[in-house]
PDB file of N, CA and C in Angstrom:
ATOM      1  N   MET A   1      15.418  -5.410 -16.460  1.00  0.00           N
ATOM      2  CA  MET A   1      14.960  -4.488 -15.441  1.00  0.00           C
ATOM      3  C   MET A   1      13.497  -4.767 -15.065  1.00  0.00           C
ATOM      4  N   THR A   2      12.720  -5.163 -16.061  1.00  0.00           N
ATOM      5  CA  THR A   2      11.312  -5.465 -15.792  1.00  0.00           C
ATOM      6  C   THR A   2      11.178  -6.621 -14.804  1.00  0.00           C
ATOM      7  N   LEU A   3      12.007  -7.637 -14.987  1.00  0.00           N
ATOM      8  CA  LEU A   3      11.971  -8.776 -14.078  1.00  0.00           C
ATOM      9  C   LEU A   3      12.317  -8.353 -12.656  1.00  0.00           C
ATOM     10  N   LEU A   4      13.340  -7.537 -12.497  1.00  0.00           N
ATOM     11  CA  LEU A   4      13.753  -7.092 -11.163  1.00  0.00           C
ATOM     12  C   LEU A   4      12.701  -6.213 -10.498  1.00  0.00           C
ATOM     13  N   THR A   5      12.142  -5.262 -11.234  1.00  0.00           N
ATOM     14  CA  THR A   5      11.128  -4.392 -10.623  1.00  0.00           C
ATOM     15  C   THR A   5       9.850  -5.161 -10.310  1.00  0.00           C
ATOM     16  N   GLY A   6       9.491  -6.109 -11.171  1.00  0.00           N
ATOM     17  CA  GLY A   6       8.313  -6.934 -10.892  1.00  0.00           C
ATOM     18  C   GLY A   6       8.496  -7.790  -9.653  1.00  0.00           C
ATOM     19  N   ALA A   7       9.682  -8.393  -9.535  1.00  0.00           N
ATOM     20  CA  ALA A   7       9.973  -9.210  -8.352  1.00  0.00           C
ATOM     21  C   ALA A   7       9.987  -8.357  -7.090  1.00  0.00           C
ATOM     22  N   ALA A   8      10.553  -7.169  -7.175  1.00  0.00           N
ATOM     23  CA  ALA A   8      10.578  -6.278  -6.010  1.00  0.00           C
ATOM     24  C   ALA A   8       9.167  -5.838  -5.623  1.00  0.00           C
ATOM     25  N   ALA A   9       8.348  -5.550  -6.611  1.00  0.00           N
ATOM     26  CA  ALA A   9       6.977  -5.107  -6.330  1.00  0.00           C
ATOM     27  C   ALA A   9       6.164  -6.215  -5.660  1.00  0.00           C
ATOM     28  N   PHE A  10       6.239  -7.416  -6.192  1.00  0.00           N
ATOM     29  CA  PHE A  10       5.461  -8.499  -5.592  1.00  0.00           C
ATOM     30  C   PHE A  10       6.046  -8.947  -4.263  1.00  0.00           C
ATOM     31  N   GLY A  11       7.353  -8.872  -4.112  1.00  0.00           N
ATOM     32  CA  GLY A  11       7.961  -9.169  -2.812  1.00  0.00           C
ATOM     33  C   GLY A  11       7.537  -8.162  -1.764  1.00  0.00           C
ATOM     34  N   GLY A  12       7.546  -6.898  -2.139  1.00  0.00           N
ATOM     35  CA  GLY A  12       7.106  -5.843  -1.217  1.00  0.00           C
ATOM     36  C   GLY A  12       5.631  -5.960  -0.892  1.00  0.00           C
ATOM     37  N   GLY A  13       4.828  -6.279  -1.899  1.00  0.00           N
ATOM     38  CA  GLY A  13       3.395  -6.449  -1.672  1.00  0.00           C
ATOM     39  C   GLY A  13       3.096  -7.608  -0.745  1.00  0.00           C
ATOM     40  N   SER A  14       3.790  -8.709  -0.947  1.00  0.00           N
ATOM     41  CA  SER A  14       3.594  -9.869  -0.069  1.00  0.00           C
ATOM     42  C   SER A  14       3.990  -9.548   1.362  1.00  0.00           C
ATOM     43  N   ALA A  15       5.063  -8.785   1.525  1.00  0.00           N
ATOM     44  CA  ALA A  15       5.488  -8.390   2.873  1.00  0.00           C
ATOM     45  C   ALA A  15       4.451  -7.484   3.526  1.00  0.00           C
ATOM     46  N   LEU A  16       3.875  -6.573   2.747  1.00  0.00           N
ATOM     47  CA  LEU A  16       2.834  -5.691   3.297  1.00  0.00           C
ATOM     48  C   LEU A  16       1.603  -6.482   3.720  1.00  0.00           C
ATOM     49  N   ILE A  17       1.179  -7.421   2.892  1.00  0.00           N
ATOM     50  CA  ILE A  17       0.011  -8.232   3.239  1.00  0.00           C
ATOM     51  C   ILE A  17       0.294  -9.043   4.503  1.00  0.00           C
ATOM     52  N   ALA A  18       1.469  -9.627   4.600  1.00  0.00           N
ATOM     53  CA  ALA A  18       1.820 -10.404   5.790  1.00  0.00           C
ATOM     54  C   ALA A  18       1.818  -9.528   7.038  1.00  0.00           C
ATOM     55  N   THR A  19       2.290  -8.299   6.916  1.00  0.00           N
ATOM     56  CA  THR A  19       2.303  -7.383   8.058  1.00  0.00           C
ATOM     57  C   THR A  19       0.885  -7.035   8.490  1.00  0.00           C
ATOM     58  N   ILE A  20       0.024  -6.745   7.525  1.00  0.00           N
ATOM     59  CA  ILE A  20      -1.368  -6.400   7.852  1.00  0.00           C
ATOM     60  C   ILE A  20      -2.063  -7.577   8.522  1.00  0.00           C
ATOM     61  N   VAL A  21      -1.870  -8.768   7.993  1.00  0.00           N
ATOM     62  CA  VAL A  21      -2.508  -9.951   8.582  1.00  0.00           C
ATOM     63  C   VAL A  21      -1.987 -10.195   9.990  1.00  0.00           C
ATOM     64  N   ARG A  22      -0.675 -10.021  10.199  1.00  0.00           N
ATOM     65  CA  ARG A  22      -0.093 -10.237  11.535  1.00  0.00           C
ATOM     66  C   ARG A  22      -0.653  -9.231  12.539  1.00  0.00           C
ATOM     67  N   ILE A  23      -0.817  -7.992  12.124  1.00  0.00           N
ATOM     68  CA  ILE A  23      -1.317  -6.953  13.024  1.00  0.00           C
ATOM     69  C   ILE A  23      -2.785  -7.191  13.376  1.00  0.00           C
ATOM     70  N   ALA A  24      -3.571  -7.562  12.374  1.00  0.00           N
ATOM     71  CA  ALA A  24      -5.012  -7.710  12.601  1.00  0.00           C
ATOM     72  C   ALA A  24      -5.417  -9.133  12.964  1.00  0.00           C
ATOM     73  N   ALA A  25      -4.477 -10.049  13.028  1.00  0.00           N
ATOM     74  CA  ALA A  25      -4.805 -11.450  13.259  1.00  0.00           C
ATOM     75  C   ALA A  25      -5.662 -11.708  14.488  1.00  0.00           C
ATOM     76  N   PRO A  26      -5.412 -11.054  15.639  1.00  0.00           N
ATOM     77  CA  PRO A  26      -6.272 -11.348  16.784  1.00  0.00           C
ATOM     78  C   PRO A  26      -7.728 -10.951  16.549  1.00  0.00           C
ATOM     79  N   ALA A  27      -7.970  -9.922  15.757  1.00  0.00           N
ATOM     80  CA  ALA A  27      -9.336  -9.444  15.562  1.00  0.00           C
ATOM     81  C   ALA A  27     -10.036 -10.148  14.396  1.00  0.00           C
ATOM     82  N   ALA A  28      -9.407 -10.192  13.233  1.00  0.00           N
ATOM     83  CA  ALA A  28     -10.055 -10.766  12.060  1.00  0.00           C
ATOM     84  C   ALA A  28      -9.013 -11.135  11.009  1.00  0.00           C
ATOM     85  N   PRO A  29      -8.356 -12.266  11.156  1.00  0.00           N
ATOM     86  CA  PRO A  29      -7.263 -12.602  10.235  1.00  0.00           C
ATOM     87  C   PRO A  29      -7.701 -12.784   8.784  1.00  0.00           C
ATOM     88  N   ARG A  30      -8.832 -13.407   8.562  1.00  0.00           N
ATOM     89  CA  ARG A  30      -9.276 -13.631   7.184  1.00  0.00           C
ATOM     90  C   ARG A  30      -9.691 -12.325   6.528  1.00  0.00           C
ATOM     91  N   LEU A  31     -10.383 -11.488   7.265  1.00  0.00           N
ATOM     92  CA  LEU A  31     -10.807 -10.204   6.722  1.00  0.00           C
ATOM     93  C   LEU A  31      -9.605  -9.319   6.430  1.00  0.00           C
ATOM     94  N   ALA A  32      -8.628  -9.315   7.318  1.00  0.00           N
ATOM     95  CA  ALA A  32      -7.425  -8.508   7.098  1.00  0.00           C
ATOM     96  C   ALA A  32      -6.680  -8.982   5.864  1.00  0.00           C
ATOM     97  N   GLY A  33      -6.556 -10.269   5.691  1.00  0.00           N
ATOM     98  CA  GLY A  33      -5.875 -10.805   4.518  1.00  0.00           C
ATOM     99  C   GLY A  33      -6.611 -10.476   3.233  1.00  0.00           C
ATOM    100  N   ALA A  34      -7.929 -10.597   3.274  1.00  0.00           N
ATOM    101  CA  ALA A  34      -8.728 -10.291   2.082  1.00  0.00           C
ATOM    102  C   ALA A  34      -8.630  -8.815   1.716  1.00  0.00           C
ATOM    103  N   LEU A  35      -8.722  -7.942   2.723  1.00  0.00           N
ATOM    104  CA  LEU A  35      -8.640  -6.502   2.446  1.00  0.00           C
ATOM    105  C   LEU A  35      -7.249  -6.103   1.971  1.00  0.00           C
ATOM    106  N   ALA A  36      -6.229  -6.683   2.549  1.00  0.00           N
ATOM    107  CA  ALA A  36      -4.866  -6.356   2.131  1.00  0.00           C
ATOM    108  C   ALA A  36      -4.616  -6.810   0.697  1.00  0.00           C
ATOM    109  N   THR A  37      -5.068  -8.001   0.363  1.00  0.00           N
ATOM    110  CA  THR A  37      -4.898  -8.505  -1.000  1.00  0.00           C
ATOM    111  C   THR A  37      -5.697  -7.668  -1.991  1.00  0.00           C
ATOM    112  N   THR A  38      -6.903  -7.301  -1.620  1.00  0.00           N
ATOM    113  CA  THR A  38      -7.728  -6.470  -2.492  1.00  0.00           C
ATOM    114  C   THR A  38      -7.091  -5.107  -2.721  1.00  0.00           C
ATOM    115  N   ALA A  39      -6.584  -4.505  -1.672  1.00  0.00           N
ATOM    116  CA  ALA A  39      -5.937  -3.199  -1.816  1.00  0.00           C
ATOM    117  C   ALA A  39      -4.713  -3.290  -2.715  1.00  0.00           C
ATOM    118  N   LEU A  40      -3.926  -4.339  -2.566  1.00  0.00           N
ATOM    119  CA  LEU A  40      -2.752  -4.520  -3.418  1.00  0.00           C
ATOM    120  C   LEU A  40      -3.167  -4.698  -4.873  1.00  0.00           C
ATOM    121  N   ASP A  41      -4.193  -5.491  -5.119  1.00  0.00           N
ATOM    122  CA  ASP A  41      -4.646  -5.724  -6.488  1.00  0.00           C
ATOM    123  C   ASP A  41      -5.226  -4.455  -7.124  1.00  0.00           C
ATOM    124  N   ILE A  42      -5.982  -3.699  -6.353  1.00  0.00           N
ATOM    125  CA  ILE A  42      -6.538  -2.444  -6.879  1.00  0.00           C
ATOM    126  C   ILE A  42      -5.411  -1.480  -7.227  1.00  0.00           C
ATOM    127  N   GLY A  43      -4.424  -1.400  -6.365  1.00  0.00           N
ATOM    128  CA  GLY A  43      -3.280  -0.542  -6.647  1.00  0.00           C
ATOM    129  C   GLY A  43      -2.493  -1.012  -7.861  1.00  0.00           C
ATOM    130  N   ALA A  44      -2.386  -2.320  -8.032  1.00  0.00           N
ATOM    131  CA  ALA A  44      -1.666  -2.870  -9.181  1.00  0.00           C
ATOM    132  C   ALA A  44      -2.375  -2.567 -10.493  1.00  0.00           C
ATOM    133  N   VAL A  45      -3.692  -2.396 -10.440  1.00  0.00           N
ATOM    134  CA  VAL A  45      -4.451  -2.061 -11.644  1.00  0.00           C
ATOM    135  C   VAL A  45      -4.503  -0.548 -11.851  1.00  0.00           C
ATOM    136  N   LEU A  46      -4.851   0.185 -10.809  1.00  0.00           N
ATOM    137  CA  LEU A  46      -5.038   1.633 -10.960  1.00  0.00           C
ATOM    138  C   LEU A  46      -3.730   2.407 -11.140  1.00  0.00           C
ATOM    139  N   GLY A  47      -2.643   1.932 -10.544  1.00  0.00           N
ATOM    140  CA  GLY A  47      -1.365   2.631 -10.658  1.00  0.00           C
ATOM    141  C   GLY A  47      -0.928   2.821 -12.094  1.00  0.00           C
ATOM    142  N   PRO A  48      -0.828   1.749 -12.874  1.00  0.00           N
ATOM    143  CA  PRO A  48      -0.437   1.910 -14.274  1.00  0.00           C
ATOM    144  C   PRO A  48      -1.447   2.699 -15.102  1.00  0.00           C
ATOM    145  N   VAL A  49      -2.737   2.553 -14.808  1.00  0.00           N
ATOM    146  CA  VAL A  49      -3.749   3.298 -15.557  1.00  0.00           C
ATOM    147  C   VAL A  49      -3.584   4.798 -15.325  1.00  0.00           C
ATOM    148  N   VAL A  50      -3.419   5.189 -14.071  1.00  0.00           N
ATOM    149  CA  VAL A  50      -3.222   6.608 -13.758  1.00  0.00           C
ATOM    150  C   VAL A  50      -1.924   7.119 -14.373  1.00  0.00           C
ATOM    151  N   ALA A  51      -0.880   6.309 -14.333  1.00  0.00           N
ATOM    152  CA  ALA A  51       0.407   6.722 -14.907  1.00  0.00           C
ATOM    153  C   ALA A  51       0.304   6.900 -16.421  1.00  0.00           C
ATOM    154  N   VAL A  52      -0.413   6.011 -17.102  1.00  0.00           N
ATOM    155  CA  VAL A  52      -0.577   6.136 -18.554  1.00  0.00           C
ATOM    156  C   VAL A  52      -1.332   7.404 -18.902  1.00  0.00           C
ATOM    157  N   VAL A  53      -2.383   7.693 -18.169  1.00  0.00           N
ATOM    158  CA  VAL A  53      -3.144   8.920 -18.425  1.00  0.00           C
ATOM    159  C   VAL A  53      -2.265  10.142 -18.189  1.00  0.00           C
ATOM    160  N   ALA A  54      -1.504  10.121 -17.115  1.00  0.00           N
ATOM    161  CA  ALA A  54      -0.622  11.262 -16.816  1.00  0.00           C
ATOM    162  C   ALA A  54       0.452  11.437 -17.877  1.00  0.00           C
ATOM    163  N   VAL A  55       1.061  10.340 -18.308  1.00  0.00           N
ATOM    164  CA  VAL A  55       2.098  10.418 -19.347  1.00  0.00           C
ATOM    165  C   VAL A  55       1.488  10.898 -20.663  1.00  0.00           C
ATOM    166  N   ASP A  56       0.303  10.410 -20.984  1.00  0.00           N
ATOM    167  CA  ASP A  56      -0.358  10.823 -22.226  1.00  0.00           C
ATOM    168  C   ASP A  56      -0.677  12.316 -22.221  1.00  0.00           C
ATOM    169  N   ARG A  57      -1.163  12.815 -21.107  1.00  0.00           N
ATOM    170  CA  ARG A  57      -1.516  14.242 -21.031  1.00  0.00           C
ATOM    171  C   ARG A  57      -0.294  15.143 -20.924  1.00  0.00           C
ATOM    172  N   ALA A  58       0.725  14.697 -20.196  1.00  0.00           N
ATOM    173  CA  ALA A  58       1.916  15.529 -20.000  1.00  0.00           C
ATOM    174  C   ALA A  58       2.902  15.394 -21.158  1.00  0.00           C
ATOM    175  N   LYS A  59       2.741  14.349 -21.954  1.00  0.00           N
ATOM    176  CA  LYS A  59       3.635  14.090 -23.092  1.00  0.00           C
ATOM    177  C   LYS A  59       5.092  13.876 -22.667  1.00  0.00           C
ATOM    178  N   THR A  60       5.287  13.369 -21.459  1.00  0.00           N
ATOM    179  CA  THR A  60       6.631  13.040 -20.975  1.00  0.00           C
ATOM    180  C   THR A  60       6.549  11.839 -20.036  1.00  0.00           C
ATOM    181  N   PRO A  61       7.479  10.909 -20.150  1.00  0.00           N
ATOM    182  CA  PRO A  61       7.442   9.734 -19.271  1.00  0.00           C
ATOM    183  C   PRO A  61       7.745  10.055 -17.815  1.00  0.00           C
ATOM    184  N   VAL A  62       8.267  11.235 -17.548  1.00  0.00           N
ATOM    185  CA  VAL A  62       8.561  11.622 -16.166  1.00  0.00           C
ATOM    186  C   VAL A  62       7.277  11.726 -15.342  1.00  0.00           C
ATOM    187  N   ALA A  63       6.153  11.918 -16.007  1.00  0.00           N
ATOM    188  CA  ALA A  63       4.870  12.009 -15.303  1.00  0.00           C
ATOM    189  C   ALA A  63       4.573  10.723 -14.532  1.00  0.00           C
ATOM    190  N   ALA A  64       5.028   9.577 -15.032  1.00  0.00           N
ATOM    191  CA  ALA A  64       4.826   8.310 -14.312  1.00  0.00           C
ATOM    192  C   ALA A  64       5.565   8.321 -12.978  1.00  0.00           C
ATOM    193  N   LEU A  65       6.743   8.916 -12.976  1.00  0.00           N
ATOM    194  CA  LEU A  65       7.504   9.039 -11.726  1.00  0.00           C
ATOM    195  C   LEU A  65       6.742   9.892 -10.718  1.00  0.00           C
ATOM    196  N   TRP A  66       6.155  10.977 -11.184  1.00  0.00           N
ATOM    197  CA  TRP A  66       5.391  11.845 -10.285  1.00  0.00           C
ATOM    198  C   TRP A  66       4.135  11.149  -9.760  1.00  0.00           C
ATOM    199  N   CYS A  67       3.531  10.306 -10.577  1.00  0.00           N
ATOM    200  CA  CYS A  67       2.373   9.520 -10.104  1.00  0.00           C
ATOM    201  C   CYS A  67       2.796   8.567  -8.981  1.00  0.00           C
ATOM    202  N   ALA A  68       3.921   7.904  -9.174  1.00  0.00           N
ATOM    203  CA  ALA A  68       4.418   6.983  -8.152  1.00  0.00           C
ATOM    204  C   ALA A  68       4.779   7.734  -6.875  1.00  0.00           C
ATOM    205  N   ALA A  69       5.405   8.899  -7.020  1.00  0.00           N
ATOM    206  CA  ALA A  69       5.763   9.700  -5.844  1.00  0.00           C
ATOM    207  C   ALA A  69       4.510  10.171  -5.110  1.00  0.00           C
ATOM    208  N   GLY A  70       3.509  10.581  -5.856  1.00  0.00           N
ATOM    209  CA  GLY A  70       2.254  11.021  -5.235  1.00  0.00           C
ATOM    210  C   GLY A  70       1.540   9.892  -4.507  1.00  0.00           C
ATOM    211  N   ALA A  71       1.504   8.710  -5.123  1.00  0.00           N
ATOM    212  CA  ALA A  71       0.864   7.560  -4.478  1.00  0.00           C
ATOM    213  C   ALA A  71       1.625   7.155  -3.218  1.00  0.00           C
ATOM    214  N   SER A  72       2.945   7.204  -3.269  1.00  0.00           N
ATOM    215  CA  SER A  72       3.753   6.872  -2.091  1.00  0.00           C
ATOM    216  C   SER A  72       3.539   7.881  -0.972  1.00  0.00           C
ATOM    217  N   ALA A  73       3.465   9.154  -1.323  1.00  0.00           N
ATOM    218  CA  ALA A  73       3.225  10.197  -0.315  1.00  0.00           C
ATOM    219  C   ALA A  73       1.843  10.026   0.318  1.00  0.00           C
ATOM    220  N   LEU A  74       0.864   9.698  -0.497  1.00  0.00           N
ATOM    221  CA  LEU A  74      -0.487   9.470   0.028  1.00  0.00           C
ATOM    222  C   LEU A  74      -0.520   8.279   0.986  1.00  0.00           C
ATOM    223  N   ALA A  75       0.165   7.210   0.633  1.00  0.00           N
ATOM    224  CA  ALA A  75       0.225   6.030   1.507  1.00  0.00           C
ATOM    225  C   ALA A  75       0.944   6.348   2.810  1.00  0.00           C
ATOM    226  N   ALA A  76       2.058   7.079   2.722  1.00  0.00           N
ATOM    227  CA  ALA A  76       2.805   7.443   3.934  1.00  0.00           C
ATOM    228  C   ALA A  76       1.969   8.346   4.837  1.00  0.00           C
ATOM    229  N   ALA A  77       1.260   9.298   4.249  1.00  0.00           N
ATOM    230  CA  ALA A  77       0.408  10.190   5.038  1.00  0.00           C
ATOM    231  C   ALA A  77      -0.713   9.411   5.723  1.00  0.00           C
ATOM    232  N   SER A  78      -1.251   8.428   5.031  1.00  0.00           N
ATOM    233  CA  SER A  78      -2.318   7.605   5.610  1.00  0.00           C
ATOM    234  C   SER A  78      -1.807   6.807   6.809  1.00  0.00           C
ATOM    235  N   VAL A  79      -0.643   6.200   6.666  1.00  0.00           N
ATOM    236  CA  VAL A  79      -0.061   5.421   7.767  1.00  0.00           C
ATOM    237  C   VAL A  79       0.282   6.321   8.945  1.00  0.00           C
ATOM    238  N   LEU A  80       0.905   7.460   8.665  1.00  0.00           N
ATOM    239  CA  LEU A  80       1.294   8.373   9.749  1.00  0.00           C
ATOM    240  C   LEU A  80       0.089   8.948  10.473  1.00  0.00           C
ATOM    241  N   SER A  81      -0.974   9.263   9.742  1.00  0.00           N
ATOM    242  CA  SER A  81      -2.165   9.796  10.407  1.00  0.00           C
ATOM    243  C   SER A  81      -2.844   8.732  11.267  1.00  0.00           C
ATOM    244  N   ASP A  82      -2.797   7.479  10.810  1.00  0.00           N
ATOM    245  CA  ASP A  82      -3.378   6.398  11.611  1.00  0.00           C
ATOM    246  C   ASP A  82      -2.569   6.170  12.882  1.00  0.00           C
ATOM    247  N   ARG A  83      -1.259   6.260  12.775  1.00  0.00           N
ATOM    248  CA  ARG A  83      -0.408   6.059  13.962  1.00  0.00           C
ATOM    249  C   ARG A  83      -0.532   7.205  14.951  1.00  0.00           C
ATOM    250  N   ALA A  84      -0.845   8.398  14.465  1.00  0.00           N
ATOM    251  CA  ALA A  84      -0.971   9.563  15.346  1.00  0.00           C
ATOM    252  C   ALA A  84      -2.328   9.610  16.046  1.00  0.00           C
ATOM    253  N   ARG A  85      -3.280   8.832  15.547  1.00  0.00           N
ATOM    254  CA  ARG A  85      -4.625   8.828  16.118  1.00  0.00           C
ATOM    255  C   ARG A  85      -4.612   8.220  17.512  1.00  0.00           C
ATOM    256  N   PRO A  86      -5.255   8.857  18.492  1.00  0.00           N
ATOM    257  CA  PRO A  86      -5.294   8.279  19.839  1.00  0.00           C
ATOM    258  C   PRO A  86      -6.071   6.962  19.851  1.00  0.00           C
ATOM    259  N   ARG A  87      -5.587   6.018  20.593  1.00  0.00           N
ATOM    260  CA  ARG A  87      -6.226   4.704  20.698  1.00  0.00           C
ATOM    261  C   ARG A  87      -6.934   4.594  22.038  1.00  0.00           C
ATOM    262  N   PRO A  88      -8.070   3.900  22.059  1.00  0.00           N
ATOM    263  CA  PRO A  88      -8.735   3.666  23.334  1.00  0.00           C
ATOM    264  C   PRO A  88      -7.880   2.790  24.245  1.00  0.00           C
ATOM    265  N   VAL A  89      -8.023   2.961  25.523  1.00  0.00           N
ATOM    266  CA  VAL A  89      -7.288   2.136  26.481  1.00  0.00           C
ATOM    267  C   VAL A  89      -7.715   0.691  26.308  1.00  0.00           C
ATOM    268  N   GLY A  90      -6.745  -0.206  26.240  1.00  0.00           N
ATOM    269  CA  GLY A  90      -7.038  -1.622  26.087  1.00  0.00           C
ATOM    270  C   GLY A  90      -7.081  -2.079  24.652  1.00  0.00           C
ATOM    271  N   ASP A  91      -6.838  -1.170  23.701  1.00  0.00           N
ATOM    272  CA  ASP A  91      -6.815  -1.537  22.294  1.00  0.00           C
ATOM    273  C   ASP A  91      -5.431  -2.066  21.966  1.00  0.00           C
ATOM    274  N   ASP A  92      -5.233  -3.381  22.129  1.00  0.00           N
ATOM    275  CA  ASP A  92      -3.927  -3.991  21.939  1.00  0.00           C
ATOM    276  C   ASP A  92      -3.739  -4.578  20.548  1.00  0.00           C
ATOM    277  N   VAL A  93      -4.732  -4.492  19.666  1.00  0.00           N
ATOM    278  CA  VAL A  93      -4.600  -5.051  18.348  1.00  0.00           C
ATOM    279  C   VAL A  93      -3.544  -4.257  17.600  1.00  0.00           C
ATOM    280  N   GLY A  94      -2.511  -4.926  17.189  1.00  0.00           N
ATOM    281  CA  GLY A  94      -1.449  -4.284  16.435  1.00  0.00           C
ATOM    282  C   GLY A  94      -0.425  -3.575  17.291  1.00  0.00           C
ATOM    283  N   ALA A  95      -0.488  -3.724  18.597  1.00  0.00           N
ATOM    284  CA  ALA A  95       0.455  -3.010  19.471  1.00  0.00           C
ATOM    285  C   ALA A  95       1.890  -3.483  19.251  1.00  0.00           C
ATOM    286  N   ALA A  96       2.079  -4.732  18.898  1.00  0.00           N
ATOM    287  CA  ALA A  96       3.443  -5.242  18.700  1.00  0.00           C
ATOM    288  C   ALA A  96       4.091  -4.627  17.467  1.00  0.00           C
ATOM    289  N   ALA A  97       3.302  -4.208  16.495  1.00  0.00           N
ATOM    290  CA  ALA A  97       3.876  -3.653  15.277  1.00  0.00           C
ATOM    291  C   ALA A  97       4.214  -2.185  15.397  1.00  0.00           C
ATOM    292  N   ARG A  98       3.733  -1.533  16.423  1.00  0.00           N
ATOM    293  CA  ARG A  98       3.978  -0.081  16.557  1.00  0.00           C
ATOM    294  C   ARG A  98       5.187   0.217  17.337  1.00  0.00           C
TER     295      ARG A  98
END
């Protein structure tokens, strides 16, 4: 199971980085790639650390599930709020992805 979840996580992460780079490519492809990779790496480090602290304090492994659900909800809220934000006229960066 560890192999499957690890492969799914890195496959999903690579797809997210590719999407970010494709969207931001006209403006700053190298910067977009660097920021996307950095965000993925920070999440890969902080996610397990936060989950371990939560499991240790709650004394139940289900706390890790709640950490993952909370992080996913936060990411979804961030994406949805960005998409709802009005864009200036002529701002075509990322228009194909929306």
